[in-house]
């Protein structure tokens, strides 16, 4: 499990995937989100500009990111 410490109110989902090194580029992040590979709080979410906040859990390719 990856714990990501949030600075500020939120982080866009695509930036979170890049910041945790689960994808290499923003373009790759947009593709995996649009193809339904990312779960947000237990459900597949296709929103590229999703605002991830403290307490949220993002799952991608067997990795869980907990935002603290």
PDB file of N, CA and C in Angstrom:
ATOM      1  N   UNK A   1       0.839  -1.179   0.000  1.00  0.00           N
ATOM      2  CA  UNK A   1       0.000   0.000   0.000  1.00  0.00           C
ATOM      3  C   UNK A   1       0.888   1.247   0.000  1.00  0.00           C
ATOM      4  N   UNK A   2       0.477   2.222  -0.782  1.00  0.00           N
ATOM      5  CA  UNK A   2       1.189   3.492  -0.875  1.00  0.00           C
ATOM      6  C   UNK A   2       0.409   4.525  -0.070  1.00  0.00           C
ATOM      7  N   UNK A   3       1.087   5.226   0.806  1.00  0.00           N
ATOM      8  CA  UNK A   3       0.457   6.321   1.537  1.00  0.00           C
ATOM      9  C   UNK A   3       0.939   7.624   0.923  1.00  0.00           C
ATOM     10  N   UNK A   4      -0.020   8.421   0.449  1.00  0.00           N
ATOM     11  CA  UNK A   4       0.312   9.694  -0.193  1.00  0.00           C
ATOM     12  C   UNK A   4      -0.153  10.820   0.703  1.00  0.00           C
ATOM     13  N   UNK A   5       0.795  11.640   1.140  1.00  0.00           N
ATOM     14  CA  UNK A   5       0.444  12.763   2.016  1.00  0.00           C
ATOM     15  C   UNK A   5       0.049  13.963   1.162  1.00  0.00           C
ATOM     16  N   UNK A   6      -1.194  14.349   1.303  1.00  0.00           N
ATOM     17  CA  UNK A   6      -1.763  15.429   0.505  1.00  0.00           C
ATOM     18  C   UNK A   6      -1.403  16.782   1.095  1.00  0.00           C
ATOM     19  N   UNK A   7      -0.934  17.669   0.240  1.00  0.00           N
ATOM     20  CA  UNK A   7      -0.699  19.056   0.635  1.00  0.00           C
ATOM     21  C   UNK A   7      -1.746  19.884  -0.088  1.00  0.00           C
ATOM     22  N   UNK A   8      -2.640  20.496   0.662  1.00  0.00           N
ATOM     23  CA  UNK A   8      -3.730  21.240   0.045  1.00  0.00           C
ATOM     24  C   UNK A   8      -5.030  20.474   0.171  1.00  0.00           C
ATOM     25  N   UNK A   9      -6.047  20.935  -0.547  1.00  0.00           N
ATOM     26  CA  UNK A   9      -7.388  20.356  -0.433  1.00  0.00           C
ATOM     27  C   UNK A   9      -7.567  19.075  -1.244  1.00  0.00           C
ATOM     28  N   UNK A  10      -6.924  18.998  -2.425  1.00  0.00           N
ATOM     29  CA  UNK A  10      -7.106  17.836  -3.296  1.00  0.00           C
ATOM     30  C   UNK A  10      -5.945  17.746  -4.280  1.00  0.00           C
ATOM     31  N   UNK A  11      -5.906  16.596  -4.991  1.00  0.00           N
ATOM     32  CA  UNK A  11      -4.970  16.410  -6.101  1.00  0.00           C
ATOM     33  C   UNK A  11      -5.758  15.737  -7.226  1.00  0.00           C
ATOM     34  N   UNK A  12      -5.617  16.209  -8.464  1.00  0.00           N
ATOM     35  CA  UNK A  12      -6.296  15.536  -9.577  1.00  0.00           C
ATOM     36  C   UNK A  12      -5.802  14.086  -9.696  1.00  0.00           C
ATOM     37  N   UNK A  13      -6.699  13.193 -10.041  1.00  0.00           N
ATOM     38  CA  UNK A  13      -6.383  11.764 -10.136  1.00  0.00           C
ATOM     39  C   UNK A  13      -5.161  11.498 -11.010  1.00  0.00           C
ATOM     40  N   UNK A  14      -5.093  12.152 -12.165  1.00  0.00           N
ATOM     41  CA  UNK A  14      -3.975  11.932 -13.084  1.00  0.00           C
ATOM     42  C   UNK A  14      -2.654  12.327 -12.435  1.00  0.00           C
ATOM     43  N   UNK A  15      -2.645  13.440 -11.720  1.00  0.00           N
ATOM     44  CA  UNK A  15      -1.414  13.872 -11.042  1.00  0.00           C
ATOM     45  C   UNK A  15      -1.032  12.907  -9.926  1.00  0.00           C
ATOM     46  N   UNK A  16      -2.031  12.340  -9.246  1.00  0.00           N
ATOM     47  CA  UNK A  16      -1.757  11.373  -8.184  1.00  0.00           C
ATOM     48  C   UNK A  16      -1.060  10.131  -8.751  1.00  0.00           C
ATOM     49  N   UNK A  17      -1.537   9.638  -9.882  1.00  0.00           N
ATOM     50  CA  UNK A  17      -0.921   8.463 -10.510  1.00  0.00           C
ATOM     51  C   UNK A  17       0.530   8.754 -10.898  1.00  0.00           C
ATOM     52  N   UNK A  18       0.784   9.965 -11.378  1.00  0.00           N
ATOM     53  CA  UNK A  18       2.161  10.343 -11.729  1.00  0.00           C
ATOM     54  C   UNK A  18       3.015  10.524 -10.478  1.00  0.00           C
ATOM     55  N   UNK A  19       2.475  11.179  -9.466  1.00  0.00           N
ATOM     56  CA  UNK A  19       3.239  11.474  -8.247  1.00  0.00           C
ATOM     57  C   UNK A  19       3.651  10.208  -7.505  1.00  0.00           C
ATOM     58  N   UNK A  20       2.876   9.146  -7.638  1.00  0.00           N
ATOM     59  CA  UNK A  20       3.191   7.883  -6.970  1.00  0.00           C
ATOM     60  C   UNK A  20       3.983   6.935  -7.884  1.00  0.00           C
ATOM     61  N   UNK A  21       4.370   7.433  -9.042  1.00  0.00           N
ATOM     62  CA  UNK A  21       5.179   6.680 -10.016  1.00  0.00           C
ATOM     63  C   UNK A  21       4.509   5.410 -10.526  1.00  0.00           C
ATOM     64  N   UNK A  22       3.181   5.408 -10.570  1.00  0.00           N
ATOM     65  CA  UNK A  22       2.472   4.246 -11.120  1.00  0.00           C
ATOM     66  C   UNK A  22       2.332   4.356 -12.633  1.00  0.00           C
ATOM     67  N   UNK A  23       2.475   5.563 -13.160  1.00  0.00           N
ATOM     68  CA  UNK A  23       2.524   5.792 -14.608  1.00  0.00           C
ATOM     69  C   UNK A  23       3.694   6.735 -14.873  1.00  0.00           C
ATOM     70  N   UNK A  24       4.161   6.751 -16.107  1.00  0.00           N
ATOM     71  CA  UNK A  24       5.312   7.582 -16.453  1.00  0.00           C
ATOM     72  C   UNK A  24       4.922   8.996 -16.881  1.00  0.00           C
ATOM     73  N   UNK A  25       3.759   9.115 -17.575  1.00  0.00           N
ATOM     74  CA  UNK A  25       3.372  10.415 -18.133  1.00  0.00           C
ATOM     75  C   UNK A  25       1.904  10.706 -17.856  1.00  0.00           C
ATOM     76  N   UNK A  26       1.549  11.970 -18.026  1.00  0.00           N
ATOM     77  CA  UNK A  26       0.147  12.358 -17.900  1.00  0.00           C
ATOM     78  C   UNK A  26      -0.712  11.704 -18.970  1.00  0.00           C
ATOM     79  N   UNK A  27      -0.141  11.535 -20.148  1.00  0.00           N
ATOM     80  CA  UNK A  27      -0.870  10.880 -21.237  1.00  0.00           C
ATOM     81  C   UNK A  27      -1.211   9.440 -20.897  1.00  0.00           C
ATOM     82  N   UNK A  28      -0.245   8.743 -20.322  1.00  0.00           N
ATOM     83  CA  UNK A  28      -0.481   7.352 -19.907  1.00  0.00           C
ATOM     84  C   UNK A  28      -1.558   7.310 -18.828  1.00  0.00           C
ATOM     85  N   UNK A  29      -1.505   8.264 -17.898  1.00  0.00           N
ATOM     86  CA  UNK A  29      -2.506   8.324 -16.829  1.00  0.00           C
ATOM     87  C   UNK A  29      -3.901   8.527 -17.405  1.00  0.00           C
ATOM     88  N   UNK A  30      -4.033   9.410 -18.392  1.00  0.00           N
ATOM     89  CA  UNK A  30      -5.337   9.651 -19.002  1.00  0.00           C
ATOM     90  C   UNK A  30      -5.871   8.390 -19.681  1.00  0.00           C
ATOM     91  N   UNK A  31      -4.994   7.656 -20.330  1.00  0.00           N
ATOM     92  CA  UNK A  31      -5.411   6.426 -21.022  1.00  0.00           C
ATOM     93  C   UNK A  31      -5.909   5.384 -20.019  1.00  0.00           C
ATOM     94  N   UNK A  32      -5.152   5.131 -18.948  1.00  0.00           N
ATOM     95  CA  UNK A  32      -5.566   4.082 -18.015  1.00  0.00           C
ATOM     96  C   UNK A  32      -6.865   4.462 -17.293  1.00  0.00           C
ATOM     97  N   UNK A  33      -7.071   5.747 -17.050  1.00  0.00           N
ATOM     98  CA  UNK A  33      -8.332   6.184 -16.427  1.00  0.00           C
ATOM     99  C   UNK A  33      -9.481   5.997 -17.417  1.00  0.00           C
ATOM    100  N   UNK A  34      -9.298   6.432 -18.662  1.00  0.00           N
ATOM    101  CA  UNK A  34     -10.381   6.332 -19.652  1.00  0.00           C
ATOM    102  C   UNK A  34     -10.711   4.884 -20.012  1.00  0.00           C
ATOM    103  N   UNK A  35      -9.751   3.964 -19.811  1.00  0.00           N
ATOM    104  CA  UNK A  35     -10.002   2.548 -20.099  1.00  0.00           C
ATOM    105  C   UNK A  35     -10.547   1.788 -18.889  1.00  0.00           C
ATOM    106  N   UNK A  36     -10.805   2.507 -17.795  1.00  0.00           N
ATOM    107  CA  UNK A  36     -11.432   1.886 -16.627  1.00  0.00           C
ATOM    108  C   UNK A  36     -10.503   1.046 -15.781  1.00  0.00           C
ATOM    109  N   UNK A  37      -9.204   1.344 -15.800  1.00  0.00           N
ATOM    110  CA  UNK A  37      -8.242   0.558 -15.026  1.00  0.00           C
ATOM    111  C   UNK A  37      -8.068   1.070 -13.598  1.00  0.00           C
ATOM    112  N   UNK A  38      -8.702   2.186 -13.265  1.00  0.00           N
ATOM    113  CA  UNK A  38      -8.497   2.806 -11.952  1.00  0.00           C
ATOM    114  C   UNK A  38      -9.791   2.754 -11.138  1.00  0.00           C
ATOM    115  N   UNK A  39      -9.661   2.329  -9.883  1.00  0.00           N
ATOM    116  CA  UNK A  39     -10.802   2.331  -8.966  1.00  0.00           C
ATOM    117  C   UNK A  39     -10.635   3.469  -7.967  1.00  0.00           C
ATOM    118  N   UNK A  40     -11.732   4.156  -7.707  1.00  0.00           N
ATOM    119  CA  UNK A  40     -11.762   5.256  -6.749  1.00  0.00           C
ATOM    120  C   UNK A  40     -12.764   4.891  -5.665  1.00  0.00           C
ATOM    121  N   UNK A  41     -12.269   4.723  -4.446  1.00  0.00           N
ATOM    122  CA  UNK A  41     -13.121   4.299  -3.316  1.00  0.00           C
ATOM    123  C   UNK A  41     -13.933   3.051  -3.657  1.00  0.00           C
ATOM    124  N   UNK A  42     -13.278   2.080  -4.313  1.00  0.00           N
ATOM    125  CA  UNK A  42     -13.896   0.782  -4.572  1.00  0.00           C
ATOM    126  C   UNK A  42     -14.663   0.642  -5.869  1.00  0.00           C
ATOM    127  N   UNK A  43     -14.821   1.738  -6.622  1.00  0.00           N
ATOM    128  CA  UNK A  43     -15.571   1.670  -7.873  1.00  0.00           C
ATOM    129  C   UNK A  43     -14.753   2.231  -9.020  1.00  0.00           C
ATOM    130  N   UNK A  44     -14.908   1.621 -10.209  1.00  0.00           N
ATOM    131  CA  UNK A  44     -14.210   2.117 -11.398  1.00  0.00           C
ATOM    132  C   UNK A  44     -14.693   3.537 -11.675  1.00  0.00           C
ATOM    133  N   UNK A  45     -13.746   4.423 -11.943  1.00  0.00           N
ATOM    134  CA  UNK A  45     -14.095   5.815 -12.216  1.00  0.00           C
ATOM    135  C   UNK A  45     -13.362   6.275 -13.473  1.00  0.00           C
ATOM    136  N   UNK A  46     -14.099   6.906 -14.377  1.00  0.00           N
ATOM    137  CA  UNK A  46     -13.538   7.318 -15.670  1.00  0.00           C
ATOM    138  C   UNK A  46     -13.217   8.813 -15.720  1.00  0.00           C
ATOM    139  N   UNK A  47     -13.393   9.531 -14.623  1.00  0.00           N
ATOM    140  CA  UNK A  47     -13.184  10.982 -14.614  1.00  0.00           C
ATOM    141  C   UNK A  47     -11.700  11.307 -14.508  1.00  0.00           C
ATOM    142  N   UNK A  48     -11.180  11.954 -15.532  1.00  0.00           N
ATOM    143  CA  UNK A  48      -9.759  12.291 -15.562  1.00  0.00           C
ATOM    144  C   UNK A  48      -9.429  13.432 -14.603  1.00  0.00           C
ATOM    145  N   UNK A  49     -10.361  14.323 -14.378  1.00  0.00           N
ATOM    146  CA  UNK A  49     -10.114  15.489 -13.527  1.00  0.00           C
ATOM    147  C   UNK A  49     -10.680  15.295 -12.119  1.00  0.00           C
ATOM    148  N   UNK A  50     -10.889  14.058 -11.748  1.00  0.00           N
ATOM    149  CA  UNK A  50     -11.416  13.735 -10.429  1.00  0.00           C
ATOM    150  C   UNK A  50     -10.533  14.323  -9.341  1.00  0.00           C
ATOM    151  N   UNK A  51     -11.147  14.978  -8.368  1.00  0.00           N
ATOM    152  CA  UNK A  51     -10.413  15.580  -7.257  1.00  0.00           C
ATOM    153  C   UNK A  51     -10.313  14.573  -6.120  1.00  0.00           C
ATOM    154  N   UNK A  52      -9.119  14.062  -5.895  1.00  0.00           N
ATOM    155  CA  UNK A  52      -8.881  13.083  -4.843  1.00  0.00           C
ATOM    156  C   UNK A  52      -8.546  13.840  -3.564  1.00  0.00           C
ATOM    157  N   UNK A  53      -9.245  13.482  -2.472  1.00  0.00           N
ATOM    158  CA  UNK A  53      -9.086  14.190  -1.203  1.00  0.00           C
ATOM    159  C   UNK A  53      -8.618  13.246  -0.106  1.00  0.00           C
ATOM    160  N   UNK A  54      -8.293  13.811   1.050  1.00  0.00           N
ATOM    161  CA  UNK A  54      -7.850  13.002   2.191  1.00  0.00           C
ATOM    162  C   UNK A  54      -8.906  11.963   2.535  1.00  0.00           C
ATOM    163  N   UNK A  55      -8.456  10.746   2.823  1.00  0.00           N
ATOM    164  CA  UNK A  55      -9.359   9.657   3.174  1.00  0.00           C
ATOM    165  C   UNK A  55      -9.775   8.800   1.996  1.00  0.00           C
ATOM    166  N   UNK A  56      -9.490   9.259   0.776  1.00  0.00           N
ATOM    167  CA  UNK A  56      -9.850   8.491  -0.416  1.00  0.00           C
ATOM    168  C   UNK A  56      -8.840   7.374  -0.656  1.00  0.00           C
ATOM    169  N   UNK A  57      -9.316   6.320  -1.331  1.00  0.00           N
ATOM    170  CA  UNK A  57      -8.452   5.197  -1.699  1.00  0.00           C
ATOM    171  C   UNK A  57      -8.552   4.994  -3.207  1.00  0.00           C
ATOM    172  N   UNK A  58      -7.392   4.956  -3.855  1.00  0.00           N
ATOM    173  CA  UNK A  58      -7.315   4.744  -5.299  1.00  0.00           C
ATOM    174  C   UNK A  58      -6.586   3.419  -5.524  1.00  0.00           C
ATOM    175  N   UNK A  59      -7.148   2.574  -6.404  1.00  0.00           N
ATOM    176  CA  UNK A  59      -6.532   1.285  -6.718  1.00  0.00           C
ATOM    177  C   UNK A  59      -6.179   1.242  -8.197  1.00  0.00           C
ATOM    178  N   UNK A  60      -4.972   0.736  -8.479  1.00  0.00           N
ATOM    179  CA  UNK A  60      -4.509   0.655  -9.865  1.00  0.00           C
ATOM    180  C   UNK A  60      -3.485  -0.458  -9.984  1.00  0.00           C
ATOM    181  N   UNK A  61      -3.754  -1.420 -10.845  1.00  0.00           N
ATOM    182  CA  UNK A  61      -2.837  -2.549 -11.120  1.00  0.00           C
ATOM    183  C   UNK A  61      -2.286  -3.195  -9.850  1.00  0.00           C
ATOM    184  N   UNK A  62      -3.171  -3.506  -8.933  1.00  0.00           N
ATOM    185  CA  UNK A  62      -2.787  -4.205  -7.714  1.00  0.00           C
ATOM    186  C   UNK A  62      -2.207  -3.315  -6.629  1.00  0.00           C
ATOM    187  N   UNK A  63      -2.057  -2.039  -6.892  1.00  0.00           N
ATOM    188  CA  UNK A  63      -1.536  -1.109  -5.893  1.00  0.00           C
ATOM    189  C   UNK A  63      -2.687  -0.292  -5.307  1.00  0.00           C
ATOM    190  N   UNK A  64      -2.633  -0.079  -3.993  1.00  0.00           N
ATOM    191  CA  UNK A  64      -3.619   0.759  -3.320  1.00  0.00           C
ATOM    192  C   UNK A  64      -2.935   2.012  -2.829  1.00  0.00           C
ATOM    193  N   UNK A  65      -3.510   3.156  -3.164  1.00  0.00           N
ATOM    194  CA  UNK A  65      -2.983   4.435  -2.700  1.00  0.00           C
ATOM    195  C   UNK A  65      -3.974   4.978  -1.687  1.00  0.00           C
ATOM    196  N   UNK A  66      -3.518   5.204  -0.465  1.00  0.00           N
ATOM    197  CA  UNK A  66      -4.338   5.826   0.557  1.00  0.00           C
ATOM    198  C   UNK A  66      -3.882   7.265   0.693  1.00  0.00           C
ATOM    199  N   UNK A  67      -4.822   8.193   0.540  1.00  0.00           N
ATOM    200  CA  UNK A  67      -4.491   9.614   0.641  1.00  0.00           C
ATOM    201  C   UNK A  67      -4.687  10.059   2.086  1.00  0.00           C
ATOM    202  N   UNK A  68      -3.598  10.589   2.655  1.00  0.00           N
ATOM    203  CA  UNK A  68      -3.649  11.021   4.066  1.00  0.00           C
ATOM    204  C   UNK A  68      -3.343  12.513   4.179  1.00  0.00           C
TER     205      UNK A  68
END
